Amino acid sequence: MNTQESATAPQAGPGPESRLDTVEIVTGPAPDAAVIWLHGLGADGHDFEPIVPQLLWPGAPDIRFVFPHAPVRPVTINGGMQMRAWYDIVEMSLNRDQDQQGIAQSIEQSTALIERERRRGIDPSRIVLAGFSQGGAISVQAALRYPETLAGLVALSTYLLNDSELENNRHEANRELPVFVGHGTADPMVPCMLGEQVTGRLRGLGHAVEWHSYPMMHAVCPQEINDLAKWLQKCLA
């Protein structure tokens, strides 16, 4: 039987700016796989913690789910309000990659989380990088750049950053990385066409992308979680 433990752990990195606090759930005593999941704008690492039991399957291996808290920073489109964000969003437009410094920092922090799992004994081929909305945009960038083959990438209700540089920034190790993309057809914040764009772009680069759309807004739904659990089983069983 799977057991769950929740803990907050500091992220060790090359400097204080690369350290993230994380919420962790371990589904068994000897995890040999990990899912690192980045939340969306204004949320925190507890946001997707409750769905962990629904992501498991009979006979699932022991998995460590890592939910980092994004840094607190002012967000321009929200009047400069301080909130957890992976980078600043300067204006509501299809071009959301204006804050290159924040994006680069979050890619580095996500990479540091993968490295920590390696130090804790998880092979990169057993690590899935996931994210929702703004966190999904960073997950795409970090996963494709990682220099060792990962198990998979999950991009939920999200969009592409730095699209023109995506192919050149990819690492050979993850050129065939499997990807799960899910999006709500009634999403008012990140239109569904942006999720379709993610799917088309990654398929064009040679990735095996499993695309799902759902009658929902900017959220996740039970069917999406069920589909994601089946996909995770293929990647990690």
C-alpha atoms as a PDB file:
ATOM      1  CA  MET A   1       0.000   0.000   0.000  1.00  0.00           C
ATOM      2  CA  ASN A   2       1.257   3.468  -0.822  1.00  0.00           C
ATOM      3  CA  THR A   3       1.938   5.825   2.044  1.00  0.00           C
ATOM      4  CA  GLN A   4       2.132   9.568   1.744  1.00  0.00           C
ATOM      5  CA  GLU A   5       4.343  12.036   3.541  1.00  0.00           C
ATOM      6  CA  SER A   6       4.327  15.781   3.071  1.00  0.00           C
ATOM      7  CA  ALA A   7       7.414  17.840   3.757  1.00  0.00           C
ATOM      8  CA  THR A   8       8.927  21.218   2.981  1.00  0.00           C
ATOM      9  CA  ALA A   9      12.516  21.061   1.816  1.00  0.00           C
ATOM     10  CA  PRO A  10      14.941  23.855   0.882  1.00  0.00           C
ATOM     11  CA  GLN A  11      16.422  23.608  -2.590  1.00  0.00           C
ATOM     12  CA  ALA A  12      20.199  23.611  -2.687  1.00  0.00           C
ATOM     13  CA  GLY A  13      21.570  25.447  -5.705  1.00  0.00           C
ATOM     14  CA  PRO A  14      24.532  27.507  -6.822  1.00  0.00           C
ATOM     15  CA  GLY A  15      23.342  30.557  -4.917  1.00  0.00           C
ATOM     16  CA  PRO A  16      20.508  31.890  -2.715  1.00  0.00           C
ATOM     17  CA  GLU A  17      18.606  33.087  -5.804  1.00  0.00           C
ATOM     18  CA  SER A  18      18.417  29.473  -7.046  1.00  0.00           C
ATOM     19  CA  ARG A  19      16.967  27.960  -3.889  1.00  0.00           C
ATOM     20  CA  LEU A  20      13.291  27.104  -3.862  1.00  0.00           C
ATOM     21  CA  ASP A  21      11.182  25.767  -1.019  1.00  0.00           C
ATOM     22  CA  THR A  22       9.187  22.721  -2.054  1.00  0.00           C
ATOM     23  CA  VAL A  23       6.206  20.710  -0.908  1.00  0.00           C
ATOM     24  CA  GLU A  24       6.916  16.999  -1.293  1.00  0.00           C
ATOM     25  CA  ILE A  25       4.734  13.910  -1.242  1.00  0.00           C
ATOM     26  CA  VAL A  26       6.400  10.507  -1.334  1.00  0.00           C
ATOM     27  CA  THR A  27       4.061   7.646  -2.207  1.00  0.00           C
ATOM     28  CA  GLY A  28       6.257   4.903  -0.784  1.00  0.00           C
ATOM     29  CA  PRO A  29       9.415   4.305   1.238  1.00  0.00           C
ATOM     30  CA  ALA A  30      11.857   3.926  -1.674  1.00  0.00           C
ATOM     31  CA  PRO A  31      11.040   6.344  -4.512  1.00  0.00           C
ATOM     32  CA  ASP A  32      12.724   5.521  -7.811  1.00  0.00           C
ATOM     33  CA  ALA A  33      10.829   8.119  -9.869  1.00  0.00           C
ATOM     34  CA  ALA A  34       9.966  11.786  -9.450  1.00  0.00           C
ATOM     35  CA  VAL A  35       7.448  14.273 -10.802  1.00  0.00           C
ATOM     36  CA  ILE A  36       8.433  17.934 -10.453  1.00  0.00           C
ATOM     37  CA  TRP A  37       5.350  20.132 -10.909  1.00  0.00           C
ATOM     38  CA  LEU A  38       5.431  23.936 -11.305  1.00  0.00           C
ATOM     39  CA  HIS A  39       2.267  25.836 -10.333  1.00  0.00           C
ATOM     40  CA  GLY A  40       0.658  28.773 -12.117  1.00  0.00           C
ATOM     41  CA  LEU A  41       0.793  32.517 -11.512  1.00  0.00           C
ATOM     42  CA  GLY A  42      -0.263  33.555  -8.014  1.00  0.00           C
ATOM     43  CA  ALA A  43      -0.604  29.992  -6.699  1.00  0.00           C
ATOM     44  CA  ASP A  44       1.972  28.030  -4.703  1.00  0.00           C
ATOM     45  CA  GLY A  45       3.377  24.542  -4.297  1.00  0.00           C
ATOM     46  CA  HIS A  46       0.271  23.344  -2.437  1.00  0.00           C
ATOM     47  CA  ASP A  47      -1.977  23.974  -5.452  1.00  0.00           C
ATOM     48  CA  PHE A  48      -1.776  20.495  -7.000  1.00  0.00           C
ATOM     49  CA  GLU A  49      -0.852  18.576  -3.870  1.00  0.00           C
ATOM     50  CA  PRO A  50      -4.406  17.173  -3.412  1.00  0.00           C
ATOM     51  CA  ILE A  51      -4.483  15.372  -6.786  1.00  0.00           C
ATOM     52  CA  VAL A  52      -1.501  13.095  -6.107  1.00  0.00           C
ATOM     53  CA  PRO A  53      -3.623  10.082  -5.066  1.00  0.00           C
ATOM     54  CA  GLN A  54      -5.570  10.377  -8.341  1.00  0.00           C
ATOM     55  CA  LEU A  55      -2.350  10.255 -10.375  1.00  0.00           C
ATOM     56  CA  LEU A  56      -1.390   6.803  -9.098  1.00  0.00           C
ATOM     57  CA  TRP A  57      -2.351   3.427 -10.538  1.00  0.00           C
ATOM     58  CA  PRO A  58      -2.370  -0.150  -9.203  1.00  0.00           C
ATOM     59  CA  GLY A  59       1.204  -1.310  -8.926  1.00  0.00           C
ATOM     60  CA  ALA A  60       2.640   2.195  -9.369  1.00  0.00           C
ATOM     61  CA  PRO A  61       6.269   2.566  -8.271  1.00  0.00           C
ATOM     62  CA  ASP A  62       7.167   4.717  -5.304  1.00  0.00           C
ATOM     63  CA  ILE A  63       7.165   8.273  -6.654  1.00  0.00           C
ATOM     64  CA  ARG A  64       8.349  11.532  -5.129  1.00  0.00           C
ATOM     65  CA  PHE A  65       6.101  14.426  -6.161  1.00  0.00           C
ATOM     66  CA  VAL A  66       7.906  17.757  -5.816  1.00  0.00           C
ATOM     67  CA  PHE A  67       5.863  20.966  -5.866  1.00  0.00           C
ATOM     68  CA  PRO A  68       8.121  24.036  -5.683  1.00  0.00           C
ATOM     69  CA  HIS A  69       6.998  27.504  -4.584  1.00  0.00           C
ATOM     70  CA  ALA A  70       7.834  30.154  -7.177  1.00  0.00           C
ATOM     71  CA  PRO A  71       9.637  33.267  -5.893  1.00  0.00           C
ATOM     72  CA  VAL A  72       7.523  36.231  -4.784  1.00  0.00           C
ATOM     73  CA  ARG A  73       7.933  39.132  -7.215  1.00  0.00           C
ATOM     74  CA  PRO A  74       5.931  42.127  -8.497  1.00  0.00           C
ATOM     75  CA  VAL A  75       3.725  41.303 -11.489  1.00  0.00           C
ATOM     76  CA  THR A  76       3.168  44.239 -13.807  1.00  0.00           C
ATOM     77  CA  ILE A  77      -0.219  43.179 -15.239  1.00  0.00           C
ATOM     78  CA  ASN A  78      -1.540  42.927 -11.673  1.00  0.00           C
ATOM     79  CA  GLY A  79      -0.573  46.484 -10.815  1.00  0.00           C
ATOM     80  CA  GLY A  80       2.844  45.488  -9.511  1.00  0.00           C
ATOM     81  CA  MET A  81       1.306  43.355  -6.762  1.00  0.00           C
ATOM     82  CA  GLN A  82       3.750  40.977  -5.088  1.00  0.00           C
ATOM     83  CA  MET A  83       2.846  37.339  -5.716  1.00  0.00           C
ATOM     84  CA  ARG A  84       4.411  34.008  -6.527  1.00  0.00           C
ATOM     85  CA  ALA A  85       5.422  34.058 -10.180  1.00  0.00           C
ATOM     86  CA  TRP A  86       8.003  32.335 -12.344  1.00  0.00           C
ATOM     87  CA  TYR A  87       8.587  35.604 -14.206  1.00  0.00           C
ATOM     88  CA  ASP A  88       6.949  38.999 -14.634  1.00  0.00           C
ATOM     89  CA  ILE A  89       4.158  39.405 -17.178  1.00  0.00           C
ATOM     90  CA  VAL A  90       4.393  42.936 -18.502  1.00  0.00           C
ATOM     91  CA  GLU A  91       1.223  42.979 -20.616  1.00  0.00           C
ATOM     92  CA  MET A  92      -1.602  40.682 -21.655  1.00  0.00           C
ATOM     93  CA  SER A  93      -0.615  39.739 -25.174  1.00  0.00           C
ATOM     94  CA  LEU A  94       0.378  36.635 -27.091  1.00  0.00           C
ATOM     95  CA  ASN A  95       3.993  37.644 -26.476  1.00  0.00           C
ATOM     96  CA  ARG A  96       4.502  36.676 -22.840  1.00  0.00           C
ATOM     97  CA  ASP A  97       8.266  36.319 -22.881  1.00  0.00           C
ATOM     98  CA  GLN A  98       9.218  39.937 -22.135  1.00  0.00           C
ATOM     99  CA  ASP A  99      10.892  39.146 -18.796  1.00  0.00           C
ATOM    100  CA  GLN A 100      13.937  37.284 -20.083  1.00  0.00           C
ATOM    101  CA  GLN A 101      15.813  37.579 -16.789  1.00  0.00           C
ATOM    102  CA  GLY A 102      12.958  36.043 -14.815  1.00  0.00           C
ATOM    103  CA  ILE A 103      12.463  33.283 -17.380  1.00  0.00           C
ATOM    104  CA  ALA A 104      16.169  32.390 -17.356  1.00  0.00           C
ATOM    105  CA  GLN A 105      16.233  32.332 -13.556  1.00  0.00           C
ATOM    106  CA  SER A 106      13.216  30.014 -13.386  1.00  0.00           C
ATOM    107  CA  ILE A 107      14.700  27.662 -15.980  1.00  0.00           C
ATOM    108  CA  GLU A 108      17.844  27.511 -13.816  1.00  0.00           C
ATOM    109  CA  GLN A 109      15.795  26.856 -10.680  1.00  0.00           C
ATOM    110  CA  SER A 110      13.833  24.069 -12.380  1.00  0.00           C
ATOM    111  CA  THR A 111      17.056  22.496 -13.598  1.00  0.00           C
ATOM    112  CA  ALA A 112      18.414  22.654 -10.045  1.00  0.00           C
ATOM    113  CA  LEU A 113      15.363  20.699  -8.856  1.00  0.00           C
ATOM    114  CA  ILE A 114      16.102  17.964 -11.392  1.00  0.00           C
ATOM    115  CA  GLU A 115      19.724  17.908 -10.243  1.00  0.00           C
ATOM    116  CA  ARG A 116      18.631  17.516  -6.640  1.00  0.00           C
ATOM    117  CA  GLU A 117      16.574  14.459  -7.559  1.00  0.00           C
ATOM    118  CA  ARG A 118      19.658  13.015  -9.235  1.00  0.00           C
ATOM    119  CA  ARG A 119      21.648  13.540  -6.046  1.00  0.00           C
ATOM    120  CA  ARG A 120      18.886  11.753  -4.151  1.00  0.00           C
ATOM    121  CA  GLY A 121      19.265   8.701  -6.376  1.00  0.00           C
ATOM    122  CA  ILE A 122      16.615   9.240  -9.085  1.00  0.00           C
ATOM    123  CA  ASP A 123      17.881   8.675 -12.614  1.00  0.00           C
ATOM    124  CA  PRO A 124      16.894  11.474 -15.055  1.00  0.00           C
ATOM    125  CA  SER A 125      15.094   8.881 -17.197  1.00  0.00           C
ATOM    126  CA  ARG A 126      12.703   8.469 -14.245  1.00  0.00           C
ATOM    127  CA  ILE A 127      11.938  12.182 -13.827  1.00  0.00           C
ATOM    128  CA  VAL A 128       8.895  13.940 -15.308  1.00  0.00           C
ATOM    129  CA  LEU A 129       8.814  17.739 -15.425  1.00  0.00           C
ATOM    130  CA  ALA A 130       5.294  19.173 -15.299  1.00  0.00           C
ATOM    131  CA  GLY A 131       3.678  22.575 -15.080  1.00  0.00           C
ATOM    132  CA  PHE A 132       0.413  24.485 -15.255  1.00  0.00           C
ATOM    133  CA  SER A 133       0.005  27.787 -17.121  1.00  0.00           C
ATOM    134  CA  GLN A 134       3.042  29.960 -16.368  1.00  0.00           C
ATOM    135  CA  GLY A 135       4.700  26.986 -14.701  1.00  0.00           C
ATOM    136  CA  GLY A 136       4.016  24.903 -17.787  1.00  0.00           C
ATOM    137  CA  ALA A 137       5.731  27.472 -19.994  1.00  0.00           C
ATOM    138  CA  ILE A 138       8.874  27.206 -17.858  1.00  0.00           C
ATOM    139  CA  SER A 139       8.662  23.408 -17.744  1.00  0.00           C
ATOM    140  CA  VAL A 140       8.708  23.212 -21.548  1.00  0.00           C
ATOM    141  CA  GLN A 141      11.839  25.344 -21.709  1.00  0.00           C
ATOM    142  CA  ALA A 142      13.665  23.537 -18.901  1.00  0.00           C
ATOM    143  CA  ALA A 143      12.809  20.002 -20.042  1.00  0.00           C
ATOM    144  CA  LEU A 144      13.853  20.469 -23.657  1.00  0.00           C
ATOM    145  CA  ARG A 145      17.162  22.040 -22.615  1.00  0.00           C
ATOM    146  CA  TYR A 146      18.117  19.415 -20.033  1.00  0.00           C
ATOM    147  CA  PRO A 147      21.314  17.589 -21.068  1.00  0.00           C
ATOM    148  CA  GLU A 148      20.162  14.074 -20.097  1.00  0.00           C
ATOM    149  CA  THR A 149      17.084  12.169 -21.250  1.00  0.00           C
ATOM    150  CA  LEU A 150      14.043  12.725 -19.031  1.00  0.00           C
ATOM    151  CA  ALA A 151      10.967  10.494 -18.697  1.00  0.00           C
ATOM    152  CA  GLY A 152       8.476  13.054 -19.943  1.00  0.00           C
ATOM    153  CA  LEU A 153       7.049  16.570 -20.004  1.00  0.00           C
ATOM    154  CA  VAL A 154       3.570  17.705 -18.936  1.00  0.00           C
ATOM    155  CA  ALA A 155       2.270  21.062 -20.208  1.00  0.00           C
ATOM    156  CA  LEU A 156      -1.187  22.026 -18.920  1.00  0.00           C
ATOM    157  CA  SER A 157      -3.138  25.123 -19.987  1.00  0.00           C
ATOM    158  CA  THR A 158       0.042  26.776 -21.162  1.00  0.00           C
ATOM    159  CA  TYR A 159       1.859  28.442 -24.046  1.00  0.00           C
ATOM    160  CA  LEU A 160       5.271  28.726 -25.683  1.00  0.00           C
ATOM    161  CA  LEU A 161       7.996  31.105 -24.570  1.00  0.00           C
ATOM    162  CA  ASN A 162      10.831  32.190 -26.876  1.00  0.00           C
ATOM    163  CA  ASP A 163       9.339  30.166 -29.716  1.00  0.00           C
ATOM    164  CA  SER A 164      11.888  31.359 -32.285  1.00  0.00           C
ATOM    165  CA  GLU A 165      14.746  30.044 -30.136  1.00  0.00           C
ATOM    166  CA  LEU A 166      13.127  26.776 -29.067  1.00  0.00           C
ATOM    167  CA  GLU A 167      14.777  24.495 -31.612  1.00  0.00           C
ATOM    168  CA  ASN A 168      18.270  25.935 -31.155  1.00  0.00           C
ATOM    169  CA  ASN A 169      18.010  25.739 -27.361  1.00  0.00           C
ATOM    170  CA  ARG A 170      16.935  22.089 -27.274  1.00  0.00           C
ATOM    171  CA  HIS A 171      19.439  19.486 -26.182  1.00  0.00           C
ATOM    172  CA  GLU A 172      19.958  16.373 -28.255  1.00  0.00           C
ATOM    173  CA  ALA A 173      19.223  14.188 -25.208  1.00  0.00           C
ATOM    174  CA  ASN A 174      15.565  15.275 -25.145  1.00  0.00           C
ATOM    175  CA  ARG A 175      14.765  15.563 -28.835  1.00  0.00           C
ATOM    176  CA  GLU A 176      12.339  12.638 -28.557  1.00  0.00           C
ATOM    177  CA  LEU A 177      10.917  13.516 -25.151  1.00  0.00           C
ATOM    178  CA  PRO A 178       7.261  12.363 -24.813  1.00  0.00           C
ATOM    179  CA  VAL A 179       4.855  15.179 -23.972  1.00  0.00           C
ATOM    180  CA  PHE A 180       1.344  15.415 -22.500  1.00  0.00           C
ATOM    181  CA  VAL A 181      -0.543  18.618 -23.354  1.00  0.00           C
ATOM    182  CA  GLY A 182      -3.951  19.391 -21.860  1.00  0.00           C
ATOM    183  CA  HIS A 183      -6.066  22.536 -22.255  1.00  0.00           C
ATOM    184  CA  GLY A 184      -9.550  23.872 -21.600  1.00  0.00           C
ATOM    185  CA  THR A 185     -11.604  24.822 -24.641  1.00  0.00           C
ATOM    186  CA  ALA A 186     -13.224  27.695 -22.679  1.00  0.00           C
ATOM    187  CA  ASP A 187     -10.003  29.031 -21.134  1.00  0.00           C
ATOM    188  CA  PRO A 188     -10.312  32.865 -20.991  1.00  0.00           C
ATOM    189  CA  MET A 189      -6.781  33.447 -19.680  1.00  0.00           C
ATOM    190  CA  VAL A 190      -4.722  31.210 -21.964  1.00  0.00           C
ATOM    191  CA  PRO A 191      -6.809  30.571 -25.109  1.00  0.00           C
ATOM    192  CA  CYS A 192      -6.987  26.967 -26.261  1.00  0.00           C
ATOM    193  CA  MET A 193      -5.281  27.893 -29.529  1.00  0.00           C
ATOM    194  CA  LEU A 194      -2.075  28.458 -27.539  1.00  0.00           C
ATOM    195  CA  GLY A 195      -2.203  24.886 -26.273  1.00  0.00           C
ATOM    196  CA  GLU A 196      -2.748  23.743 -29.840  1.00  0.00           C
ATOM    197  CA  GLN A 197       0.265  25.815 -30.817  1.00  0.00           C
ATOM    198  CA  VAL A 198       2.395  24.052 -28.193  1.00  0.00           C
ATOM    199  CA  THR A 199       1.239  20.699 -29.564  1.00  0.00           C
ATOM    200  CA  GLY A 200       1.876  21.575 -33.203  1.00  0.00           C
ATOM    201  CA  ARG A 201       5.276  23.097 -32.524  1.00  0.00           C
ATOM    202  CA  LEU A 202       6.534  20.161 -30.469  1.00  0.00           C
ATOM    203  CA  ARG A 203       5.176  17.608 -32.926  1.00  0.00           C
ATOM    204  CA  GLY A 204       6.930  19.517 -35.680  1.00  0.00           C
ATOM    205  CA  LEU A 205      10.173  19.130 -33.737  1.00  0.00           C
ATOM    206  CA  GLY A 206       9.673  15.370 -33.562  1.00  0.00           C
ATOM    207  CA  HIS A 207       8.148  14.923 -30.111  1.00  0.00           C
ATOM    208  CA  ALA A 208       5.436  12.352 -29.440  1.00  0.00           C
ATOM    209  CA  VAL A 209       2.739  14.675 -28.102  1.00  0.00           C
ATOM    210  CA  GLU A 210      -0.477  13.385 -26.555  1.00  0.00           C
ATOM    211  CA  TRP A 211      -2.990  16.232 -26.929  1.00  0.00           C
ATOM    212  CA  HIS A 212      -6.212  16.521 -24.920  1.00  0.00           C
ATOM    213  CA  SER A 213      -8.810  19.286 -24.768  1.00  0.00           C
ATOM    214  CA  TYR A 214     -11.570  19.525 -22.174  1.00  0.00           C
ATOM    215  CA  PRO A 215     -14.767  21.591 -21.754  1.00  0.00           C
ATOM    216  CA  MET A 216     -13.362  23.711 -18.923  1.00  0.00           C
ATOM    217  CA  MET A 217     -11.840  27.107 -18.203  1.00  0.00           C
ATOM    218  CA  HIS A 218      -8.337  27.814 -16.814  1.00  0.00           C
ATOM    219  CA  ALA A 219      -8.235  24.775 -14.558  1.00  0.00           C
ATOM    220  CA  VAL A 220      -7.829  21.019 -14.425  1.00  0.00           C
ATOM    221  CA  CYS A 221     -10.724  18.561 -14.419  1.00  0.00           C
ATOM    222  CA  PRO A 222     -11.228  14.926 -13.328  1.00  0.00           C
ATOM    223  CA  GLN A 223     -11.013  13.583 -16.882  1.00  0.00           C
ATOM    224  CA  GLU A 224      -7.732  15.411 -17.470  1.00  0.00           C
ATOM    225  CA  ILE A 225      -6.279  13.983 -14.256  1.00  0.00           C
ATOM    226  CA  ASN A 226      -7.422  10.513 -15.290  1.00  0.00           C
ATOM    227  CA  ASP A 227      -5.834  10.887 -18.738  1.00  0.00           C
ATOM    228  CA  LEU A 228      -2.635  12.196 -17.194  1.00  0.00           C
ATOM    229  CA  ALA A 229      -2.456   9.242 -14.791  1.00  0.00           C
ATOM    230  CA  LYS A 230      -2.648   6.828 -17.750  1.00  0.00           C
ATOM    231  CA  TRP A 231       0.106   8.760 -19.526  1.00  0.00           C
ATOM    232  CA  LEU A 232       2.305   8.797 -16.416  1.00  0.00           C
ATOM    233  CA  GLN A 233       1.860   5.035 -16.150  1.00  0.00           C
ATOM    234  CA  LYS A 234       3.283   4.647 -19.667  1.00  0.00           C
ATOM    235  CA  CYS A 235       6.260   6.845 -18.767  1.00  0.00           C
ATOM    236  CA  LEU A 236       7.035   5.498 -15.300  1.00  0.00           C
ATOM    237  CA  ALA A 237       5.595   1.995 -14.939  1.00  0.00           C
END
